[in-house]
Amino acid sequence: MTAEATSISTSAIALDFRSSDTAPRGPISFAIDRCIEGQVLVARSSVGLCAIFLDDDVDALVRQLREAFPGRVIERAQQDLQGDLDDVVAFVDGSASQAALRLDVGGSPFQRRVWAALCDIPAGETRTYTEIAGSIGAPDAVRAVAGACAANRLAVVVPCHRVVRSDGEISGYRWGVERKRALLARESA
């Protein structure tokens, strides 16, 4: 962790934040499995999980990972990451309300504040982009909050799907609006 890095813990999830200009340490290992939302890719640095991506296509998941960490050594390690993968699948599927996950998250100080605020939104509830901006002391930064949500690399675990427009409508989601709608419906049930 760098001097700029901070750490927060929500439930059994520990987020280790590093600055956006600091790459994850070590090679990045990944594993892929099915979950209720299609395919899920889990990637780990030497510090913790650095990516959780959702898609229907395995090749698209690997492309997303390579684009997220250009120039990094990326290797498939299905067996080594099976425990992490099982925890993430259970978390995404809603069969585990908590998971013991250590996350390695790189972002600007503003993004880190947004992501920490997202982790404070209880399952089954939503907040607007405006409410998140206000909660982090930046009421005029609504568009920047939306940008931080779009930059999130940890699907569901950093719950950007719980942020909606000020009229309550569901808007963009990095992994698809239909997935966002399905996640919110399951959490509200």
N, C-alpha and C. Protein backbone atom coordinates (compact mmCIF):
# COMPACT_ATOMS: atom_id res chain seq x y z
N MET A 1 0.83 -1.18 0.00
CA MET A 1 0.00 0.00 0.00
C MET A 1 0.88 1.24 0.00
N THR A 2 0.46 2.24 -0.72
CA THR A 2 1.22 3.47 -0.78
C THR A 2 0.84 4.37 0.38
N ALA A 3 1.58 5.46 0.54
CA ALA A 3 1.27 6.41 1.61
C ALA A 3 -0.11 7.02 1.41
N GLU A 4 -0.55 7.13 0.15
CA GLU A 4 -1.87 7.70 -0.13
C GLU A 4 -2.98 6.70 0.10
N ALA A 5 -2.65 5.42 0.20
CA ALA A 5 -3.67 4.39 0.29
C ALA A 5 -4.39 4.47 1.63
N THR A 6 -5.64 4.10 1.59
CA THR A 6 -6.44 4.02 2.80
C THR A 6 -7.14 2.69 2.79
N SER A 7 -7.71 2.33 3.91
CA SER A 7 -8.40 1.06 4.00
C SER A 7 -9.70 1.27 4.75
N ILE A 8 -10.77 0.67 4.26
CA ILE A 8 -12.02 0.67 5.00
C ILE A 8 -12.51 -0.75 5.07
N SER A 9 -13.37 -1.03 6.00
CA SER A 9 -13.95 -2.35 6.11
C SER A 9 -15.45 -2.22 6.22
N THR A 10 -16.17 -2.91 5.37
CA THR A 10 -17.62 -2.95 5.40
C THR A 10 -18.01 -4.40 5.53
N SER A 11 -18.71 -4.76 6.59
CA SER A 11 -19.03 -6.14 6.89
C SER A 11 -17.70 -6.90 6.93
N ALA A 12 -17.59 -7.95 6.14
CA ALA A 12 -16.35 -8.72 6.11
C ALA A 12 -15.54 -8.40 4.87
N ILE A 13 -15.83 -7.26 4.25
CA ILE A 13 -15.09 -6.85 3.06
C ILE A 13 -14.11 -5.77 3.45
N ALA A 14 -12.84 -6.01 3.18
CA ALA A 14 -11.81 -5.01 3.47
C ALA A 14 -11.30 -4.46 2.15
N LEU A 15 -11.38 -3.15 1.99
CA LEU A 15 -10.91 -2.49 0.78
C LEU A 15 -9.57 -1.83 1.07
N ASP A 16 -8.56 -2.23 0.33
CA ASP A 16 -7.27 -1.56 0.40
C ASP A 16 -7.18 -0.67 -0.82
N PHE A 17 -7.25 0.64 -0.59
CA PHE A 17 -7.19 1.60 -1.69
C PHE A 17 -5.75 2.00 -1.94
N ARG A 18 -5.39 2.05 -3.22
CA ARG A 18 -4.10 2.59 -3.62
C ARG A 18 -4.37 3.73 -4.58
N SER A 19 -3.41 4.59 -4.78
CA SER A 19 -3.63 5.72 -5.68
C SER A 19 -3.82 5.22 -7.11
N SER A 20 -4.47 6.02 -7.92
CA SER A 20 -4.79 5.61 -9.29
C SER A 20 -3.55 5.43 -10.16
N ASP A 21 -2.44 6.05 -9.78
CA ASP A 21 -1.22 5.91 -10.58
C ASP A 21 -0.34 4.76 -10.10
N THR A 22 -0.82 3.99 -9.14
CA THR A 22 -0.07 2.85 -8.63
C THR A 22 -0.76 1.57 -9.10
N ALA A 23 -0.02 0.74 -9.82
CA ALA A 23 -0.57 -0.51 -10.33
C ALA A 23 -0.65 -1.55 -9.23
N PRO A 24 -1.52 -2.54 -9.39
CA PRO A 24 -1.55 -3.64 -8.42
C PRO A 24 -0.19 -4.33 -8.39
N ARG A 25 0.18 -4.85 -7.23
CA ARG A 25 1.48 -5.53 -7.10
C ARG A 25 1.40 -6.96 -7.60
N GLY A 26 2.49 -7.38 -8.22
CA GLY A 26 2.61 -8.76 -8.67
C GLY A 26 1.80 -9.04 -9.93
N PRO A 27 1.90 -10.27 -10.40
CA PRO A 27 1.08 -10.65 -11.56
C PRO A 27 -0.39 -10.67 -11.15
N ILE A 28 -1.25 -10.60 -12.13
CA ILE A 28 -2.69 -10.65 -11.88
C ILE A 28 -3.19 -12.02 -12.32
N SER A 29 -3.72 -12.76 -11.37
CA SER A 29 -4.28 -14.08 -11.64
C SER A 29 -5.79 -13.95 -11.74
N PHE A 30 -6.40 -14.80 -12.56
CA PHE A 30 -7.86 -14.72 -12.68
C PHE A 30 -8.48 -16.10 -12.81
N ALA A 31 -9.77 -16.14 -12.51
CA ALA A 31 -10.58 -17.35 -12.66
C ALA A 31 -11.97 -16.92 -13.09
N ILE A 32 -12.67 -17.81 -13.77
CA ILE A 32 -14.00 -17.50 -14.30
C ILE A 32 -14.95 -18.63 -13.94
N ASP A 33 -16.19 -18.25 -13.64
CA ASP A 33 -17.23 -19.24 -13.34
C ASP A 33 -18.58 -18.62 -13.69
N ARG A 34 -19.62 -19.41 -13.56
CA ARG A 34 -20.98 -18.92 -13.78
C ARG A 34 -21.55 -18.41 -12.46
N CYS A 35 -22.40 -17.39 -12.59
CA CYS A 35 -23.17 -16.90 -11.46
C CYS A 35 -24.56 -16.57 -11.99
N ILE A 36 -25.41 -16.11 -11.14
CA ILE A 36 -26.78 -15.80 -11.54
C ILE A 36 -26.84 -14.72 -12.62
N GLU A 37 -25.81 -13.89 -12.72
CA GLU A 37 -25.75 -12.81 -13.70
C GLU A 37 -24.94 -13.16 -14.94
N GLY A 38 -24.72 -14.45 -15.19
CA GLY A 38 -23.96 -14.87 -16.36
C GLY A 38 -22.60 -15.40 -15.94
N GLN A 39 -21.56 -14.96 -16.61
CA GLN A 39 -20.20 -15.33 -16.26
C GLN A 39 -19.61 -14.27 -15.34
N VAL A 40 -18.77 -14.69 -14.41
CA VAL A 40 -18.08 -13.75 -13.52
C VAL A 40 -16.58 -14.06 -13.57
N LEU A 41 -15.79 -13.01 -13.70
CA LEU A 41 -14.34 -13.12 -13.65
C LEU A 41 -13.88 -12.48 -12.35
N VAL A 42 -13.02 -13.19 -11.65
CA VAL A 42 -12.41 -12.70 -10.41
C VAL A 42 -10.92 -12.62 -10.66
N ALA A 43 -10.31 -11.47 -10.40
CA ALA A 43 -8.86 -11.29 -10.60
C ALA A 43 -8.23 -10.85 -9.29
N ARG A 44 -7.03 -11.35 -9.02
CA ARG A 44 -6.34 -11.07 -7.78
C ARG A 44 -4.92 -10.61 -8.05
N SER A 45 -4.51 -9.56 -7.31
CA SER A 45 -3.12 -9.13 -7.28
C SER A 45 -2.48 -9.79 -6.06
N SER A 46 -1.26 -9.43 -5.74
CA SER A 46 -0.65 -10.00 -4.53
C SER A 46 -1.27 -9.43 -3.25
N VAL A 47 -2.07 -8.35 -3.37
CA VAL A 47 -2.71 -7.71 -2.21
C VAL A 47 -4.13 -8.21 -1.99
N GLY A 48 -4.89 -8.35 -3.07
CA GLY A 48 -6.28 -8.76 -2.94
C GLY A 48 -6.98 -8.76 -4.29
N LEU A 49 -8.29 -8.94 -4.26
CA LEU A 49 -9.06 -8.94 -5.50
C LEU A 49 -9.03 -7.54 -6.12
N CYS A 50 -8.63 -7.47 -7.38
CA CYS A 50 -8.51 -6.17 -8.05
C CYS A 50 -9.54 -6.01 -9.15
N ALA A 51 -10.29 -7.07 -9.47
CA ALA A 51 -11.34 -6.96 -10.48
C ALA A 51 -12.37 -8.06 -10.28
N ILE A 52 -13.62 -7.67 -10.44
CA ILE A 52 -14.74 -8.61 -10.51
C ILE A 52 -15.60 -8.09 -11.66
N PHE A 53 -15.63 -8.84 -12.75
CA PHE A 53 -16.35 -8.41 -13.95
C PHE A 53 -17.47 -9.40 -14.25
N LEU A 54 -18.54 -8.87 -14.83
CA LEU A 54 -19.68 -9.68 -15.25
C LEU A 54 -19.86 -9.57 -16.76
N ASP A 55 -20.22 -10.66 -17.40
CA ASP A 55 -20.53 -10.66 -18.83
C ASP A 55 -21.14 -12.01 -19.16
N ASP A 56 -21.64 -12.14 -20.37
CA ASP A 56 -22.14 -13.43 -20.82
C ASP A 56 -21.07 -14.20 -21.60
N ASP A 57 -20.01 -13.52 -21.98
CA ASP A 57 -18.99 -14.08 -22.86
C ASP A 57 -17.64 -14.13 -22.14
N VAL A 58 -17.06 -15.31 -22.04
CA VAL A 58 -15.78 -15.50 -21.36
C VAL A 58 -14.67 -14.69 -22.02
N ASP A 59 -14.62 -14.70 -23.35
CA ASP A 59 -13.58 -13.95 -24.05
C ASP A 59 -13.70 -12.45 -23.77
N ALA A 60 -14.93 -11.95 -23.68
CA ALA A 60 -15.14 -10.53 -23.37
C ALA A 60 -14.63 -10.21 -21.96
N LEU A 61 -14.81 -11.13 -21.04
CA LEU A 61 -14.30 -10.92 -19.68
C LEU A 61 -12.78 -10.79 -19.66
N VAL A 62 -12.11 -11.67 -20.38
CA VAL A 62 -10.64 -11.64 -20.42
C VAL A 62 -10.18 -10.34 -21.10
N ARG A 63 -10.88 -9.92 -22.16
CA ARG A 63 -10.54 -8.64 -22.81
C ARG A 63 -10.69 -7.47 -21.83
N GLN A 64 -11.79 -7.47 -21.07
CA GLN A 64 -11.98 -6.40 -20.08
C GLN A 64 -10.82 -6.36 -19.09
N LEU A 65 -10.37 -7.53 -18.66
CA LEU A 65 -9.27 -7.59 -17.70
C LEU A 65 -7.99 -7.05 -18.31
N ARG A 66 -7.69 -7.45 -19.52
CA ARG A 66 -6.47 -6.97 -20.20
C ARG A 66 -6.53 -5.46 -20.43
N GLU A 67 -7.70 -4.94 -20.78
CA GLU A 67 -7.87 -3.50 -20.97
C GLU A 67 -7.75 -2.74 -19.64
N ALA A 68 -8.21 -3.34 -18.56
CA ALA A 68 -8.15 -2.69 -17.26
C ALA A 68 -6.72 -2.60 -16.73
N PHE A 69 -5.89 -3.58 -17.10
CA PHE A 69 -4.52 -3.64 -16.59
C PHE A 69 -3.53 -3.85 -17.73
N PRO A 70 -3.41 -2.87 -18.63
CA PRO A 70 -2.52 -3.03 -19.79
C PRO A 70 -1.06 -3.18 -19.34
N GLY A 71 -0.36 -4.05 -20.04
CA GLY A 71 1.06 -4.23 -19.75
C GLY A 71 1.34 -5.11 -18.54
N ARG A 72 0.31 -5.57 -17.86
CA ARG A 72 0.51 -6.42 -16.68
C ARG A 72 0.56 -7.89 -17.09
N VAL A 73 1.29 -8.68 -16.31
CA VAL A 73 1.28 -10.12 -16.50
C VAL A 73 -0.06 -10.62 -15.98
N ILE A 74 -0.82 -11.27 -16.86
CA ILE A 74 -2.14 -11.78 -16.50
C ILE A 74 -2.16 -13.27 -16.81
N GLU A 75 -2.52 -14.06 -15.80
CA GLU A 75 -2.50 -15.51 -15.97
C GLU A 75 -3.74 -16.15 -15.35
N ARG A 76 -4.24 -17.17 -16.02
CA ARG A 76 -5.39 -17.89 -15.49
C ARG A 76 -4.91 -18.81 -14.38
N ALA A 77 -5.62 -18.81 -13.26
CA ALA A 77 -5.26 -19.62 -12.10
C ALA A 77 -6.55 -20.13 -11.45
N GLN A 78 -7.30 -20.91 -12.20
CA GLN A 78 -8.61 -21.36 -11.77
C GLN A 78 -8.56 -22.07 -10.42
N GLN A 79 -7.65 -22.99 -10.27
CA GLN A 79 -7.58 -23.77 -9.03
C GLN A 79 -7.14 -22.91 -7.85
N ASP A 80 -6.14 -22.05 -8.05
CA ASP A 80 -5.64 -21.20 -6.96
C ASP A 80 -6.68 -20.20 -6.46
N LEU A 81 -7.56 -19.76 -7.34
CA LEU A 81 -8.54 -18.74 -6.98
C LEU A 81 -9.94 -19.31 -6.72
N GLN A 82 -10.06 -20.63 -6.68
CA GLN A 82 -11.39 -21.23 -6.54
C GLN A 82 -12.11 -20.77 -5.28
N GLY A 83 -11.38 -20.62 -4.18
CA GLY A 83 -12.02 -20.14 -2.94
C GLY A 83 -12.56 -18.73 -3.09
N ASP A 84 -11.75 -17.83 -3.66
CA ASP A 84 -12.21 -16.46 -3.92
C ASP A 84 -13.41 -16.47 -4.86
N LEU A 85 -13.30 -17.28 -5.91
CA LEU A 85 -14.37 -17.36 -6.90
C LEU A 85 -15.66 -17.85 -6.25
N ASP A 86 -15.58 -18.88 -5.42
CA ASP A 86 -16.78 -19.39 -4.74
C ASP A 86 -17.40 -18.31 -3.85
N ASP A 87 -16.56 -17.56 -3.13
CA ASP A 87 -17.07 -16.48 -2.27
C ASP A 87 -17.76 -15.39 -3.08
N VAL A 88 -17.15 -15.01 -4.21
CA VAL A 88 -17.73 -13.95 -5.04
C VAL A 88 -19.03 -14.42 -5.69
N VAL A 89 -19.05 -15.65 -6.20
CA VAL A 89 -20.28 -16.17 -6.80
C VAL A 89 -21.40 -16.19 -5.75
N ALA A 90 -21.11 -16.65 -4.55
CA ALA A 90 -22.12 -16.66 -3.49
C ALA A 90 -22.59 -15.25 -3.16
N PHE A 91 -21.67 -14.31 -3.16
CA PHE A 91 -22.00 -12.92 -2.88
C PHE A 91 -22.89 -12.34 -3.98
N VAL A 92 -22.52 -12.55 -5.24
CA VAL A 92 -23.29 -12.04 -6.37
C VAL A 92 -24.66 -12.71 -6.42
N ASP A 93 -24.70 -14.01 -6.20
CA ASP A 93 -25.96 -14.76 -6.26
C ASP A 93 -26.87 -14.47 -5.07
N GLY A 94 -26.33 -13.82 -4.04
CA GLY A 94 -27.15 -13.50 -2.88
C GLY A 94 -27.28 -14.63 -1.89
N SER A 95 -26.51 -15.70 -2.06
CA SER A 95 -26.58 -16.81 -1.12
C SER A 95 -25.64 -16.60 0.07
N ALA A 96 -24.86 -15.52 0.03
CA ALA A 96 -24.00 -15.15 1.16
C ALA A 96 -24.14 -13.65 1.35
N SER A 97 -24.63 -13.23 2.50
CA SER A 97 -24.78 -11.80 2.73
C SER A 97 -23.45 -11.14 3.04
N GLN A 98 -22.49 -11.95 3.44
CA GLN A 98 -21.15 -11.43 3.72
C GLN A 98 -20.14 -12.39 3.12
N ALA A 99 -19.03 -11.87 2.76
CA ALA A 99 -17.93 -12.69 2.28
C ALA A 99 -16.66 -12.08 2.84
N ALA A 100 -15.72 -12.93 3.17
CA ALA A 100 -14.44 -12.44 3.69
C ALA A 100 -13.55 -12.14 2.48
N LEU A 101 -13.67 -10.93 1.96
CA LEU A 101 -12.95 -10.54 0.76
C LEU A 101 -11.99 -9.39 1.06
N ARG A 102 -10.76 -9.52 0.62
CA ARG A 102 -9.81 -8.42 0.67
C ARG A 102 -9.67 -7.89 -0.74
N LEU A 103 -9.95 -6.60 -0.90
CA LEU A 103 -9.97 -5.98 -2.21
C LEU A 103 -8.80 -5.02 -2.38
N ASP A 104 -8.22 -5.01 -3.56
CA ASP A 104 -7.12 -4.13 -3.93
C ASP A 104 -7.66 -3.17 -4.99
N VAL A 105 -7.97 -1.95 -4.57
CA VAL A 105 -8.69 -1.01 -5.42
C VAL A 105 -7.83 0.21 -5.71
N GLY A 106 -7.62 0.51 -6.99
CA GLY A 106 -6.87 1.70 -7.37
C GLY A 106 -7.81 2.78 -7.87
N GLY A 107 -7.63 3.97 -7.35
CA GLY A 107 -8.47 5.07 -7.79
C GLY A 107 -7.98 6.39 -7.25
N SER A 108 -8.50 7.46 -7.81
CA SER A 108 -8.17 8.80 -7.32
C SER A 108 -8.78 9.00 -5.93
N PRO A 109 -8.32 9.99 -5.20
CA PRO A 109 -8.95 10.25 -3.89
C PRO A 109 -10.46 10.46 -4.00
N PHE A 110 -10.92 11.14 -5.05
CA PHE A 110 -12.35 11.35 -5.23
C PHE A 110 -13.07 10.02 -5.46
N GLN A 111 -12.54 9.19 -6.36
CA GLN A 111 -13.15 7.89 -6.63
C GLN A 111 -13.21 7.05 -5.36
N ARG A 112 -12.15 7.08 -4.58
CA ARG A 112 -12.14 6.29 -3.34
C ARG A 112 -13.22 6.75 -2.39
N ARG A 113 -13.47 8.06 -2.31
CA ARG A 113 -14.56 8.56 -1.45
C ARG A 113 -15.91 8.08 -1.95
N VAL A 114 -16.09 8.11 -3.27
CA VAL A 114 -17.36 7.64 -3.85
C VAL A 114 -17.53 6.15 -3.56
N TRP A 115 -16.52 5.35 -3.83
CA TRP A 115 -16.64 3.90 -3.63
C TRP A 115 -16.88 3.55 -2.17
N ALA A 116 -16.25 4.26 -1.26
CA ALA A 116 -16.50 4.03 0.17
C ALA A 116 -17.96 4.36 0.50
N ALA A 117 -18.49 5.44 -0.07
CA ALA A 117 -19.90 5.81 0.16
C ALA A 117 -20.83 4.75 -0.41
N LEU A 118 -20.49 4.18 -1.55
CA LEU A 118 -21.32 3.13 -2.14
C LEU A 118 -21.40 1.92 -1.21
N CYS A 119 -20.29 1.61 -0.58
CA CYS A 119 -20.26 0.45 0.32
C CYS A 119 -21.12 0.65 1.56
N ASP A 120 -21.50 1.89 1.84
CA ASP A 120 -22.37 2.18 2.98
C ASP A 120 -23.86 2.06 2.64
N ILE A 121 -24.20 1.85 1.37
CA ILE A 121 -25.61 1.72 0.98
C ILE A 121 -26.06 0.29 1.30
N PRO A 122 -27.04 0.13 2.17
CA PRO A 122 -27.49 -1.23 2.50
C PRO A 122 -28.14 -1.93 1.30
N ALA A 123 -28.01 -3.23 1.25
CA ALA A 123 -28.68 -4.02 0.22
C ALA A 123 -30.18 -3.74 0.27
N GLY A 124 -30.78 -3.64 -0.90
CA GLY A 124 -32.21 -3.37 -0.98
C GLY A 124 -32.55 -1.89 -1.00
N GLU A 125 -31.54 -1.03 -0.84
CA GLU A 125 -31.75 0.41 -0.88
C GLU A 125 -30.97 1.00 -2.05
N THR A 126 -31.40 2.18 -2.48
CA THR A 126 -30.67 2.91 -3.51
C THR A 126 -30.42 4.33 -3.03
N ARG A 127 -29.49 4.98 -3.70
CA ARG A 127 -29.21 6.39 -3.50
C ARG A 127 -29.09 7.01 -4.88
N THR A 128 -29.33 8.30 -4.95
CA THR A 128 -29.14 8.99 -6.23
C THR A 128 -27.69 9.45 -6.33
N TYR A 129 -27.29 9.77 -7.55
CA TYR A 129 -25.96 10.33 -7.76
C TYR A 129 -25.82 11.62 -6.96
N THR A 130 -26.89 12.40 -6.89
CA THR A 130 -26.89 13.65 -6.13
C THR A 130 -26.69 13.38 -4.65
N GLU A 131 -27.37 12.36 -4.12
CA GLU A 131 -27.21 12.03 -2.70
C GLU A 131 -25.79 11.58 -2.39
N ILE A 132 -25.20 10.79 -3.27
CA ILE A 132 -23.82 10.34 -3.06
C ILE A 132 -22.89 11.55 -3.08
N ALA A 133 -23.07 12.44 -4.05
CA ALA A 133 -22.22 13.64 -4.13
C ALA A 133 -22.32 14.45 -2.84
N GLY A 134 -23.53 14.63 -2.34
CA GLY A 134 -23.72 15.37 -1.09
C GLY A 134 -23.10 14.66 0.10
N SER A 135 -23.20 13.34 0.13
CA SER A 135 -22.69 12.58 1.28
C SER A 135 -21.17 12.62 1.39
N ILE A 136 -20.50 12.88 0.28
CA ILE A 136 -19.03 12.96 0.32
C ILE A 136 -18.53 14.40 0.34
N GLY A 137 -19.47 15.34 0.52
CA GLY A 137 -19.10 16.75 0.63
C GLY A 137 -18.78 17.43 -0.69
N ALA A 138 -19.31 16.88 -1.79
CA ALA A 138 -19.06 17.46 -3.11
C ALA A 138 -20.40 17.57 -3.86
N PRO A 139 -21.32 18.38 -3.36
CA PRO A 139 -22.67 18.41 -3.93
C PRO A 139 -22.75 18.81 -5.40
N ASP A 140 -21.74 19.49 -5.92
CA ASP A 140 -21.76 19.89 -7.33
C ASP A 140 -21.08 18.87 -8.24
N ALA A 141 -20.65 17.75 -7.69
CA ALA A 141 -19.87 16.77 -8.47
C ALA A 141 -20.70 15.56 -8.89
N VAL A 142 -21.94 15.78 -9.25
CA VAL A 142 -22.83 14.67 -9.59
C VAL A 142 -22.30 13.88 -10.79
N ARG A 143 -21.85 14.58 -11.83
CA ARG A 143 -21.30 13.88 -13.01
C ARG A 143 -20.03 13.12 -12.65
N ALA A 144 -19.22 13.68 -11.78
CA ALA A 144 -18.00 12.99 -11.37
C ALA A 144 -18.33 11.73 -10.56
N VAL A 145 -19.40 11.78 -9.78
CA VAL A 145 -19.85 10.58 -9.06
C VAL A 145 -20.23 9.50 -10.07
N ALA A 146 -20.98 9.88 -11.10
CA ALA A 146 -21.35 8.92 -12.14
C ALA A 146 -20.10 8.35 -12.81
N GLY A 147 -19.10 9.18 -13.04
CA GLY A 147 -17.85 8.72 -13.62
C GLY A 147 -17.12 7.74 -12.72
N ALA A 148 -17.14 7.99 -11.42
CA ALA A 148 -16.50 7.07 -10.47
C ALA A 148 -17.23 5.73 -10.46
N CYS A 149 -18.55 5.77 -10.54
CA CYS A 149 -19.33 4.52 -10.61
C CYS A 149 -18.94 3.74 -11.86
N ALA A 150 -18.81 4.42 -12.98
CA ALA A 150 -18.45 3.77 -14.24
C ALA A 150 -17.03 3.19 -14.20
N ALA A 151 -16.15 3.76 -13.39
CA ALA A 151 -14.76 3.30 -13.30
C ALA A 151 -14.59 2.14 -12.32
N ASN A 152 -15.63 1.79 -11.59
CA ASN A 152 -15.56 0.71 -10.61
C ASN A 152 -15.23 -0.61 -11.31
N ARG A 153 -14.24 -1.32 -10.80
CA ARG A 153 -13.82 -2.60 -11.37
C ARG A 153 -14.29 -3.78 -10.53
N LEU A 154 -15.09 -3.53 -9.51
CA LEU A 154 -15.49 -4.59 -8.59
C LEU A 154 -17.01 -4.71 -8.55
N ALA A 155 -17.55 -5.34 -9.59
CA ALA A 155 -19.00 -5.49 -9.73
C ALA A 155 -19.62 -6.07 -8.47
N VAL A 156 -20.72 -5.53 -8.08
CA VAL A 156 -21.59 -5.95 -6.97
C VAL A 156 -20.93 -5.73 -5.61
N VAL A 157 -19.67 -6.07 -5.45
CA VAL A 157 -18.99 -5.92 -4.16
C VAL A 157 -18.85 -4.45 -3.79
N VAL A 158 -18.46 -3.61 -4.73
CA VAL A 158 -18.55 -2.16 -4.58
C VAL A 158 -19.84 -1.81 -5.35
N PRO A 159 -20.94 -1.63 -4.63
CA PRO A 159 -22.28 -1.69 -5.23
C PRO A 159 -22.74 -0.45 -5.98
N CYS A 160 -22.07 -0.16 -7.10
CA CYS A 160 -22.50 0.98 -7.91
C CYS A 160 -23.88 0.73 -8.53
N HIS A 161 -24.33 -0.51 -8.53
CA HIS A 161 -25.67 -0.80 -9.04
C HIS A 161 -26.77 -0.21 -8.15
N ARG A 162 -26.43 0.22 -6.95
CA ARG A 162 -27.41 0.80 -6.03
C ARG A 162 -27.58 2.31 -6.21
N VAL A 163 -26.97 2.87 -7.25
CA VAL A 163 -27.09 4.31 -7.51
C VAL A 163 -28.00 4.51 -8.72
N VAL A 164 -28.99 5.38 -8.54
CA VAL A 164 -29.99 5.64 -9.59
C VAL A 164 -30.06 7.13 -9.88
N ARG A 165 -30.76 7.47 -10.94
CA ARG A 165 -30.96 8.88 -11.29
C ARG A 165 -31.83 9.56 -10.25
N SER A 166 -31.85 10.88 -10.26
CA SER A 166 -32.62 11.63 -9.26
C SER A 166 -34.12 11.39 -9.38
N ASP A 167 -34.60 10.94 -10.55
CA ASP A 167 -36.02 10.61 -10.69
C ASP A 167 -36.31 9.16 -10.31
N GLY A 168 -35.30 8.46 -9.81
CA GLY A 168 -35.47 7.08 -9.38
C GLY A 168 -35.30 6.06 -10.49
N GLU A 169 -35.11 6.52 -11.71
CA GLU A 169 -34.96 5.61 -12.85
C GLU A 169 -33.56 4.98 -12.84
N ILE A 170 -33.51 3.79 -13.36
CA ILE A 170 -32.24 3.07 -13.49
C ILE A 170 -31.54 3.57 -14.74
N SER A 171 -30.29 3.94 -14.58
CA SER A 171 -29.51 4.42 -15.72
C SER A 171 -28.28 3.54 -15.89
N GLY A 172 -27.34 3.96 -16.69
CA GLY A 172 -26.17 3.19 -17.07
C GLY A 172 -25.53 2.35 -15.98
N TYR A 173 -24.99 1.25 -16.42
CA TYR A 173 -24.27 0.32 -15.54
C TYR A 173 -23.21 -0.35 -16.39
N ARG A 174 -22.00 -0.36 -15.92
CA ARG A 174 -20.87 -0.90 -16.69
C ARG A 174 -21.15 -2.30 -17.22
N TRP A 175 -21.91 -3.08 -16.49
CA TRP A 175 -22.18 -4.46 -16.88
C TRP A 175 -23.61 -4.65 -17.40
N GLY A 176 -24.25 -3.55 -17.81
CA GLY A 176 -25.55 -3.62 -18.46
C GLY A 176 -26.70 -3.23 -17.54
N VAL A 177 -27.61 -2.44 -18.09
CA VAL A 177 -28.76 -1.94 -17.33
C VAL A 177 -29.65 -3.09 -16.88
N GLU A 178 -29.80 -4.12 -17.70
CA GLU A 178 -30.64 -5.25 -17.31
C GLU A 178 -30.06 -5.97 -16.10
N ARG A 179 -28.73 -6.10 -16.04
CA ARG A 179 -28.11 -6.70 -14.86
C ARG A 179 -28.35 -5.83 -13.63
N LYS A 180 -28.23 -4.53 -13.81
CA LYS A 180 -28.47 -3.61 -12.70
C LYS A 180 -29.89 -3.78 -12.18
N ARG A 181 -30.84 -3.81 -13.09
CA ARG A 181 -32.25 -3.97 -12.72
C ARG A 181 -32.45 -5.30 -11.97
N ALA A 182 -31.86 -6.38 -12.47
CA ALA A 182 -32.00 -7.70 -11.85
C ALA A 182 -31.37 -7.72 -10.45
N LEU A 183 -30.19 -7.12 -10.31
CA LEU A 183 -29.52 -7.07 -9.00
C LEU A 183 -30.39 -6.32 -7.98
N LEU A 184 -30.92 -5.18 -8.39
CA LEU A 184 -31.77 -4.38 -7.49
C LEU A 184 -33.05 -5.13 -7.13
N ALA A 185 -33.65 -5.81 -8.10
CA ALA A 185 -34.87 -6.56 -7.83
C ALA A 185 -34.62 -7.68 -6.83
N ARG A 186 -33.51 -8.41 -6.99
CA ARG A 186 -33.18 -9.48 -6.05
C ARG A 186 -32.91 -8.94 -4.65
N GLU A 187 -32.20 -7.82 -4.57
CA GLU A 187 -31.89 -7.26 -3.26
C GLU A 187 -33.13 -6.72 -2.56
N SER A 188 -34.12 -6.30 -3.32
CA SER A 188 -35.34 -5.73 -2.73
C SER A 188 -36.36 -6.80 -2.36
N ALA A 189 -36.18 -8.01 -2.86
CA ALA A 189 -37.16 -9.08 -2.62
C ALA A 189 -37.11 -9.60 -1.19
